[in-house]
Amino acid sequence: MKLILLIVTALLLSVALIACSNDSDSDSDSDSAAGSEANGSETNDDSTNDNANTDVEEKVLKVAFNQPESHPQYKAMEALGEKFAERTNGAYKIEMYPNELLGAQRETIELVQSDTIAMSIVAGSLMENFNPDFTVFNLPYVYDSKDHQMKVLNDEDITGDLFKSTEGQGMLVMGAFHGGIRNVYNNKQPINTPEDLAGLKIRIMESDTNIQMMQLMGGVGTPMGQGEVYTAIQSGVLEGGENNELIYADLNHVEVAGYYSYTQHLMIPDYLIISAELFNGMSEEHQQIFKEELVAAIDLEVKLWDEGVEAAKIRAEEAGGVFNDVDISIFQEAVAPLIKEKVVGETAEELYRKVREAAAN
């Protein structure tokens, strides 16, 4: 009996030890599972934080331009791009496409409207197709000087509503660059009066307003693409053109039309247009940064333009060009009927009044 009791006692002790061992293993497994769950949670949190700290994806803004990289407007836009990228922490990158790589100006306007590209720099006369009130800023002798022009065009009290008026057509005008002072040049003689232009075929931009203007100035306005002008003058199809000193020197028109006369008849601005969808999709902070940097870019462009004109005139004179000053009051009087004809409607009349008032202030 004693032996039996000892065996039973031993068996009971073994069972108790096994039970304790299982409880311990179970507790270990629970701790491991809890630890694993906790580690998994920490891993997920780290992943979330990593995603939150990831830099904003850079958005590339393509800008169409019809002039070379040496142009003051190109350089100004490059400077704008650098500052805009810096101040938005790399959210945007402006890429310039010079020399009509994205198409002629008319085509690039359509690309901006459809949000295919971000921006384009276009001649002021083209904007007349979207709102005829833009005509006021393209009229002959509407500005007294370059400073007067820039004072007017970048004054939101004058241009703000007009620049926003094309939003429903898919684009906004963000600002205006100086596009030079246009003067007449030809291969016959210096021009001092309308009589000196009589019978001379002068290349102009395609515009009914410009055709009428040149007729009143005494010449025969002939619309033609800029790339054809040199050959046309050389072959006798034209006697000359009208443009700023940069074009005259850089496109070598001085070689075929040696007389450059300061008629100062036009100062047509170049507008920076932007996709309305793109701009309206920016945060208010980024919109404000863009506007601020554009103001700085316009100031830079004017400075670079002055330097460029000075250098261009020297090159043209070295190539044989002859420059002469003109009593512009004679031509101002000649084109007065055109201004009266084109400034039509309450809005246009108000804009013209503000432009002329700005000259006196």
Protein backbone atom coordinates (compact mmCIF):
# COMPACT_ATOMS: atom_id res chain seq x y z
CA MET A 1 0.00 0.00 0.00
CA LYS A 2 2.84 2.30 0.83
CA LEU A 3 4.29 1.64 -2.61
CA ILE A 4 0.97 2.40 -4.29
CA LEU A 5 0.61 5.68 -2.38
CA LEU A 6 4.10 6.74 -3.41
CA ILE A 7 3.35 6.03 -7.08
CA VAL A 8 0.05 7.99 -6.94
CA THR A 9 1.74 10.91 -5.21
CA ALA A 10 4.49 10.98 -7.87
CA LEU A 11 1.91 10.96 -10.65
CA LEU A 12 -0.02 13.86 -9.09
CA LEU A 13 3.17 15.93 -8.77
CA SER A 14 4.02 15.27 -12.42
CA VAL A 15 0.60 16.46 -13.56
CA ALA A 16 0.92 19.63 -11.49
CA LEU A 17 4.34 20.42 -12.94
CA ILE A 18 3.11 19.88 -16.52
CA ALA A 19 0.15 22.27 -15.93
CA CYS A 20 2.45 24.98 -14.57
CA SER A 21 4.72 24.57 -17.57
CA ASN A 22 1.79 25.00 -20.03
CA ASP A 23 0.58 28.16 -18.25
CA SER A 24 4.04 29.64 -18.52
CA ASP A 25 4.30 28.83 -22.25
CA SER A 26 0.86 30.34 -22.83
CA ASP A 27 1.87 33.56 -21.08
CA SER A 28 5.03 33.69 -23.20
CA ASP A 29 3.07 33.26 -26.40
CA SER A 30 0.70 36.06 -25.37
CA ASP A 31 3.59 38.39 -24.63
CA SER A 32 5.18 37.54 -27.97
CA ALA A 33 1.93 38.16 -29.78
CA ALA A 34 1.42 41.44 -27.95
CA GLY A 35 5.00 42.46 -28.69
CA SER A 36 4.62 41.53 -32.30
CA GLU A 37 1.37 43.49 -32.53
CA ALA A 38 2.97 46.49 -30.86
CA ASN A 39 5.98 46.33 -33.20
CA GLY A 40 3.68 46.11 -36.18
CA SER A 41 1.81 49.18 -35.01
CA GLU A 42 5.07 51.11 -34.59
CA THR A 43 6.19 50.05 -38.06
CA ASN A 44 2.94 51.28 -39.58
CA ASP A 45 3.25 54.59 -37.72
CA ASP A 46 6.79 55.05 -39.05
CA SER A 47 5.57 54.33 -42.56
CA THR A 48 2.83 56.93 -42.21
CA ASN A 49 5.29 59.51 -40.94
CA ASP A 50 7.65 58.79 -43.82
CA ASN A 51 4.84 59.42 -46.28
CA ALA A 52 3.93 62.67 -44.55
CA ASN A 53 7.50 63.90 -44.80
CA THR A 54 7.86 63.07 -48.49
CA ASP A 55 8.55 66.21 -50.62
CA VAL A 56 5.76 67.54 -52.82
CA GLU A 57 6.01 66.24 -56.38
CA GLU A 58 7.52 68.84 -58.71
CA LYS A 59 5.13 70.25 -61.32
CA VAL A 60 6.77 71.31 -64.59
CA LEU A 61 5.36 74.49 -66.16
CA LYS A 62 6.12 74.77 -69.88
CA VAL A 63 6.41 78.30 -71.27
CA ALA A 64 6.26 79.03 -75.01
CA PHE A 65 8.42 81.84 -76.40
CA ASN A 66 9.10 82.96 -79.96
CA GLN A 67 12.50 84.62 -79.43
CA PRO A 68 16.00 83.24 -78.66
CA GLU A 69 17.59 82.61 -75.26
CA SER A 70 19.46 85.91 -75.48
CA HIS A 71 16.23 87.92 -75.38
CA PRO A 72 15.58 90.00 -72.22
CA GLN A 73 12.17 88.39 -71.71
CA TYR A 74 13.68 84.91 -71.79
CA LYS A 75 16.27 85.85 -69.19
CA ALA A 76 13.63 87.48 -66.99
CA MET A 77 11.45 84.36 -67.11
CA GLU A 78 14.43 82.18 -66.22
CA ALA A 79 15.01 84.34 -63.15
CA LEU A 80 11.33 84.08 -62.26
CA GLY A 81 11.52 80.29 -62.55
CA GLU A 82 14.47 80.04 -60.20
CA LYS A 83 12.85 82.19 -57.52
CA PHE A 84 9.43 80.54 -57.87
CA ALA A 85 10.95 77.08 -57.43
CA GLU A 86 12.99 78.23 -54.46
CA ARG A 87 10.12 79.95 -52.65
CA THR A 88 7.70 77.04 -53.19
CA ASN A 89 10.26 74.45 -52.00
CA GLY A 90 10.52 72.84 -55.41
CA ALA A 91 6.79 72.52 -56.02
CA TYR A 92 7.16 74.07 -59.47
CA LYS A 93 9.76 74.12 -62.22
CA ILE A 94 9.46 76.57 -65.12
CA GLU A 95 10.82 75.28 -68.44
CA MET A 96 11.27 77.79 -71.27
CA TYR A 97 10.83 76.74 -74.92
CA PRO A 98 12.34 79.50 -77.10
CA ASN A 99 12.41 79.99 -80.88
CA GLU A 100 8.79 78.86 -81.40
CA LEU A 101 9.63 75.28 -80.37
CA LEU A 102 6.05 74.89 -79.16
CA GLY A 103 4.58 76.72 -82.16
CA ALA A 104 3.79 80.24 -83.31
CA GLN A 105 2.15 82.60 -80.84
CA ARG A 106 -1.40 82.02 -82.12
CA GLU A 107 -0.97 78.27 -81.67
CA THR A 108 0.51 78.58 -78.19
CA ILE A 109 -2.46 80.65 -77.02
CA GLU A 110 -4.69 77.69 -77.85
CA LEU A 111 -2.32 75.36 -75.97
CA VAL A 112 -2.57 77.56 -72.89
CA GLN A 113 -6.36 77.74 -73.15
CA SER A 114 -6.59 73.95 -73.18
CA ASP A 115 -4.10 73.65 -70.29
CA THR A 116 -1.76 71.68 -72.58
CA ILE A 117 1.05 74.05 -71.65
CA ALA A 118 1.25 76.40 -68.68
CA MET A 119 2.17 79.77 -70.18
CA SER A 120 3.11 81.73 -73.28
CA ILE A 121 4.45 85.20 -74.01
CA VAL A 122 2.37 86.76 -76.79
CA ALA A 123 2.14 90.08 -78.63
CA GLY A 124 -0.52 92.44 -77.36
CA SER A 125 -2.23 92.66 -80.74
CA LEU A 126 -3.21 88.97 -80.56
CA MET A 127 -5.22 89.56 -77.41
CA GLU A 128 -7.58 91.83 -79.35
CA ASN A 129 -9.14 88.63 -80.71
CA PHE A 130 -10.35 87.71 -77.22
CA ASN A 131 -11.38 91.14 -75.98
CA PRO A 132 -11.35 94.14 -78.36
CA ASP A 133 -10.66 96.48 -75.44
CA PHE A 134 -7.02 95.31 -75.56
CA THR A 135 -6.80 97.49 -78.69
CA VAL A 136 -6.42 100.58 -76.51
CA PHE A 137 -2.95 99.45 -75.37
CA ASN A 138 -1.80 98.77 -78.95
CA LEU A 139 -2.67 102.10 -80.55
CA PRO A 140 -0.01 104.37 -82.07
CA TYR A 141 1.35 107.02 -79.73
CA VAL A 142 -0.86 105.94 -76.83
CA TYR A 143 2.22 106.04 -74.57
CA ASP A 144 4.63 108.94 -74.15
CA SER A 145 7.55 106.75 -73.09
CA LYS A 146 8.59 103.28 -72.01
CA ASP A 147 8.21 104.29 -68.36
CA HIS A 148 4.69 105.53 -69.05
CA GLN A 149 3.80 102.24 -70.73
CA MET A 150 5.06 100.08 -67.87
CA LYS A 151 3.40 102.30 -65.28
CA VAL A 152 0.06 101.81 -67.04
CA LEU A 153 0.20 98.12 -67.92
CA ASN A 154 1.12 96.87 -64.49
CA ASP A 155 -1.32 99.05 -62.57
CA GLU A 156 -4.14 96.73 -61.45
CA ASP A 157 -6.48 99.70 -61.08
CA ILE A 158 -6.21 100.20 -64.85
CA THR A 159 -5.70 96.72 -66.26
CA GLY A 160 -6.99 94.36 -63.56
CA ASP A 161 -10.47 93.75 -64.96
CA LEU A 162 -9.21 93.55 -68.54
CA PHE A 163 -6.52 91.00 -67.70
CA LYS A 164 -9.09 88.79 -65.94
CA SER A 165 -11.66 89.15 -68.71
CA THR A 166 -10.30 86.14 -70.63
CA GLU A 167 -10.66 83.71 -67.74
CA GLY A 168 -13.81 82.25 -69.28
CA GLN A 169 -11.73 81.51 -72.38
CA GLY A 170 -9.26 79.42 -70.40
CA MET A 171 -6.48 81.91 -69.71
CA LEU A 172 -5.46 84.86 -67.57
CA VAL A 173 -3.09 87.71 -68.42
CA MET A 174 -0.64 87.82 -65.51
CA GLY A 175 1.37 90.86 -66.55
CA ALA A 176 2.99 92.78 -69.38
CA PHE A 177 6.59 92.94 -70.54
CA HIS A 178 8.05 95.86 -72.46
CA GLY A 179 8.26 94.85 -76.11
CA GLY A 180 10.37 97.73 -77.35
CA ILE A 181 9.60 100.94 -79.19
CA ARG A 182 8.85 100.33 -82.86
CA ASN A 183 10.40 102.58 -85.49
CA VAL A 184 10.49 102.57 -89.29
CA TYR A 185 13.52 101.38 -91.26
CA ASN A 186 14.00 101.16 -95.03
CA ASN A 187 16.53 100.92 -97.84
CA LYS A 188 15.79 104.28 -99.54
CA GLN A 189 16.23 107.27 -97.25
CA PRO A 190 15.84 108.64 -93.72
CA ILE A 191 12.18 109.18 -92.81
CA ASN A 192 11.20 112.54 -91.35
CA THR A 193 7.69 113.14 -92.67
CA PRO A 194 4.80 111.08 -94.10
CA GLU A 195 5.88 112.23 -97.54
CA ASP A 196 9.19 110.39 -97.09
CA LEU A 197 7.25 107.14 -96.68
CA ALA A 198 5.08 107.66 -99.76
CA GLY A 199 4.94 104.49 -101.86
CA LEU A 200 7.30 102.50 -99.60
CA LYS A 201 6.11 99.00 -98.77
CA ILE A 202 6.75 98.48 -95.06
CA ARG A 203 6.33 95.16 -93.31
CA ILE A 204 3.84 95.33 -90.43
CA MET A 205 2.24 92.84 -88.04
CA GLU A 206 -0.96 91.29 -89.38
CA SER A 207 -3.65 93.67 -88.14
CA ASP A 208 -6.21 95.93 -89.78
CA THR A 209 -5.25 98.60 -87.25
CA ASN A 210 -1.60 98.44 -88.31
CA ILE A 211 -2.50 98.57 -92.01
CA GLN A 212 -4.52 101.73 -91.41
CA MET A 213 -1.77 103.18 -89.24
CA MET A 214 0.93 102.75 -91.87
CA GLN A 215 -1.33 104.20 -94.55
CA LEU A 216 -1.92 107.32 -92.42
CA MET A 217 1.82 107.54 -91.78
CA GLY A 218 2.37 107.69 -95.55
CA GLY A 219 3.54 104.17 -96.37
CA VAL A 220 2.02 100.93 -97.63
CA GLY A 221 1.54 98.45 -94.79
CA THR A 222 2.37 94.89 -95.88
CA PRO A 223 1.63 92.05 -93.41
CA MET A 224 4.29 89.35 -93.46
CA GLY A 225 5.93 86.80 -91.18
CA GLN A 226 9.05 88.08 -89.45
CA GLY A 227 11.17 85.29 -90.88
CA GLU A 228 10.46 86.42 -94.43
CA VAL A 229 11.35 90.10 -94.05
CA TYR A 230 15.08 89.95 -94.79
CA THR A 231 14.61 88.14 -98.10
CA ALA A 232 11.62 90.29 -99.04
CA ILE A 233 13.61 93.53 -98.63
CA GLN A 234 16.61 92.01 -100.36
CA SER A 235 14.51 90.97 -103.36
CA GLY A 236 12.55 94.24 -103.60
CA VAL A 237 9.20 92.88 -102.43
CA LEU A 238 9.50 95.29 -99.50
CA GLU A 239 11.40 98.51 -98.96
CA GLY A 240 11.54 98.15 -95.21
CA GLY A 241 9.95 97.22 -91.92
CA GLU A 242 9.09 98.64 -88.51
CA ASN A 243 10.40 97.21 -85.29
CA ASN A 244 12.71 97.77 -82.33
CA GLU A 245 16.50 97.95 -82.43
CA LEU A 246 16.96 94.39 -81.18
CA ILE A 247 15.11 92.90 -84.15
CA TYR A 248 16.79 95.31 -86.55
CA ALA A 249 20.27 94.23 -85.43
CA ASP A 250 19.76 90.61 -84.37
CA LEU A 251 17.92 89.59 -87.56
CA ASN A 252 20.44 91.51 -89.69
CA HIS A 253 17.80 93.72 -91.30
CA VAL A 254 20.40 96.47 -91.14
CA GLU A 255 22.19 94.69 -93.99
CA VAL A 256 19.28 95.25 -96.39
CA ALA A 257 17.67 98.39 -94.95
CA GLY A 258 20.31 100.82 -93.72
CA TYR A 259 18.10 103.74 -92.64
CA TYR A 260 16.51 103.54 -89.18
CA SER A 261 14.24 106.45 -88.24
CA TYR A 262 12.89 107.07 -84.74
CA THR A 263 9.20 107.49 -85.54
CA GLN A 264 8.37 105.85 -82.18
CA HIS A 265 4.89 105.04 -83.47
CA LEU A 266 4.16 101.89 -81.47
CA MET A 267 4.91 100.33 -78.10
CA ILE A 268 2.97 97.08 -78.24
CA PRO A 269 3.34 95.12 -74.99
CA ASP A 270 4.06 91.41 -74.73
CA TYR A 271 1.72 89.65 -72.32
CA LEU A 272 2.45 86.65 -70.13
CA ILE A 273 -0.66 84.48 -70.29
CA ILE A 274 -1.26 81.48 -68.04
CA SER A 275 -3.72 78.61 -68.05
CA ALA A 276 -6.68 79.64 -65.88
CA GLU A 277 -7.09 76.04 -64.72
CA LEU A 278 -3.47 75.89 -63.64
CA PHE A 279 -3.39 79.22 -61.82
CA ASN A 280 -6.72 78.72 -60.08
CA GLY A 281 -5.48 75.30 -58.94
CA MET A 282 -2.54 76.84 -57.07
CA SER A 283 -2.76 77.59 -53.38
CA GLU A 284 -3.28 81.25 -52.47
CA GLU A 285 0.26 81.31 -51.09
CA HIS A 286 1.76 80.06 -54.35
CA GLN A 287 -0.38 82.46 -56.40
CA GLN A 288 0.92 85.37 -54.34
CA ILE A 289 4.53 84.20 -54.67
CA PHE A 290 4.11 83.94 -58.44
CA LYS A 291 2.71 87.47 -58.67
CA GLU A 292 5.52 88.89 -56.56
CA GLU A 293 8.23 87.20 -58.60
CA LEU A 294 6.61 88.28 -61.87
CA VAL A 295 6.81 91.92 -60.76
CA ALA A 296 10.52 91.42 -60.10
CA ALA A 297 10.96 89.68 -63.47
CA ILE A 298 9.28 92.56 -65.32
CA ASP A 299 11.58 95.08 -63.63
CA LEU A 300 14.58 92.94 -64.61
CA GLU A 301 13.35 92.67 -68.20
CA VAL A 302 13.11 96.46 -68.56
CA LYS A 303 16.68 96.84 -67.28
CA LEU A 304 17.96 94.13 -69.62
CA TRP A 305 16.02 95.65 -72.50
CA ASP A 306 17.71 99.03 -72.08
CA GLU A 307 21.11 97.34 -72.08
CA GLY A 308 20.17 95.26 -75.11
CA VAL A 309 18.98 98.24 -77.14
CA GLU A 310 22.19 100.12 -76.47
CA ALA A 311 24.30 97.17 -77.60
CA ALA A 312 22.07 96.50 -80.64
CA LYS A 313 22.37 100.07 -81.84
CA ILE A 314 26.15 99.88 -81.65
CA ARG A 315 26.15 96.64 -83.66
CA ALA A 316 23.83 98.12 -86.27
CA GLU A 317 25.95 101.25 -86.67
CA GLU A 318 29.06 99.10 -87.06
CA ALA A 319 27.21 97.23 -89.83
CA GLY A 320 26.51 100.52 -91.65
CA GLY A 321 23.12 101.48 -90.20
CA VAL A 322 22.22 105.18 -90.09
CA PHE A 323 19.93 106.38 -87.29
CA ASN A 324 17.96 109.64 -87.29
CA ASP A 325 15.60 111.35 -84.85
CA VAL A 326 12.15 112.43 -86.00
CA ASP A 327 9.70 115.15 -85.02
CA ILE A 328 6.99 112.69 -84.03
CA SER A 329 4.30 115.36 -83.63
CA ILE A 330 3.80 115.25 -87.41
CA PHE A 331 3.04 111.52 -87.30
CA GLN A 332 0.94 111.84 -84.15
CA GLU A 333 -1.31 114.28 -85.98
CA ALA A 334 -1.45 111.99 -89.02
CA VAL A 335 -2.73 108.96 -87.06
CA ALA A 336 -5.16 110.86 -84.81
CA PRO A 337 -8.22 109.78 -86.88
CA LEU A 338 -7.32 106.12 -86.28
CA ILE A 339 -7.31 106.55 -82.51
CA LYS A 340 -10.72 108.22 -82.63
CA GLU A 341 -12.05 105.35 -84.75
CA LYS A 342 -10.68 102.55 -82.54
CA VAL A 343 -11.51 103.89 -79.09
CA VAL A 344 -15.17 102.90 -79.14
CA GLY A 345 -17.38 101.91 -76.24
CA GLU A 346 -17.56 102.94 -72.62
CA THR A 347 -14.85 100.54 -71.40
CA ALA A 348 -12.37 101.44 -74.15
CA GLU A 349 -12.95 105.14 -73.64
CA GLU A 350 -12.41 104.79 -69.90
CA LEU A 351 -9.19 102.80 -70.43
CA TYR A 352 -7.84 105.34 -72.89
CA ARG A 353 -8.65 108.18 -70.49
CA LYS A 354 -6.76 106.42 -67.68
CA VAL A 355 -3.77 105.78 -69.92
CA ARG A 356 -3.49 109.41 -70.88
CA GLU A 357 -4.02 110.60 -67.30
CA ALA A 358 -1.17 108.39 -66.17
CA ALA A 359 1.14 110.23 -68.55
CA ALA A 360 0.50 113.48 -66.73
CA ASN A 361 1.04 112.08 -63.22
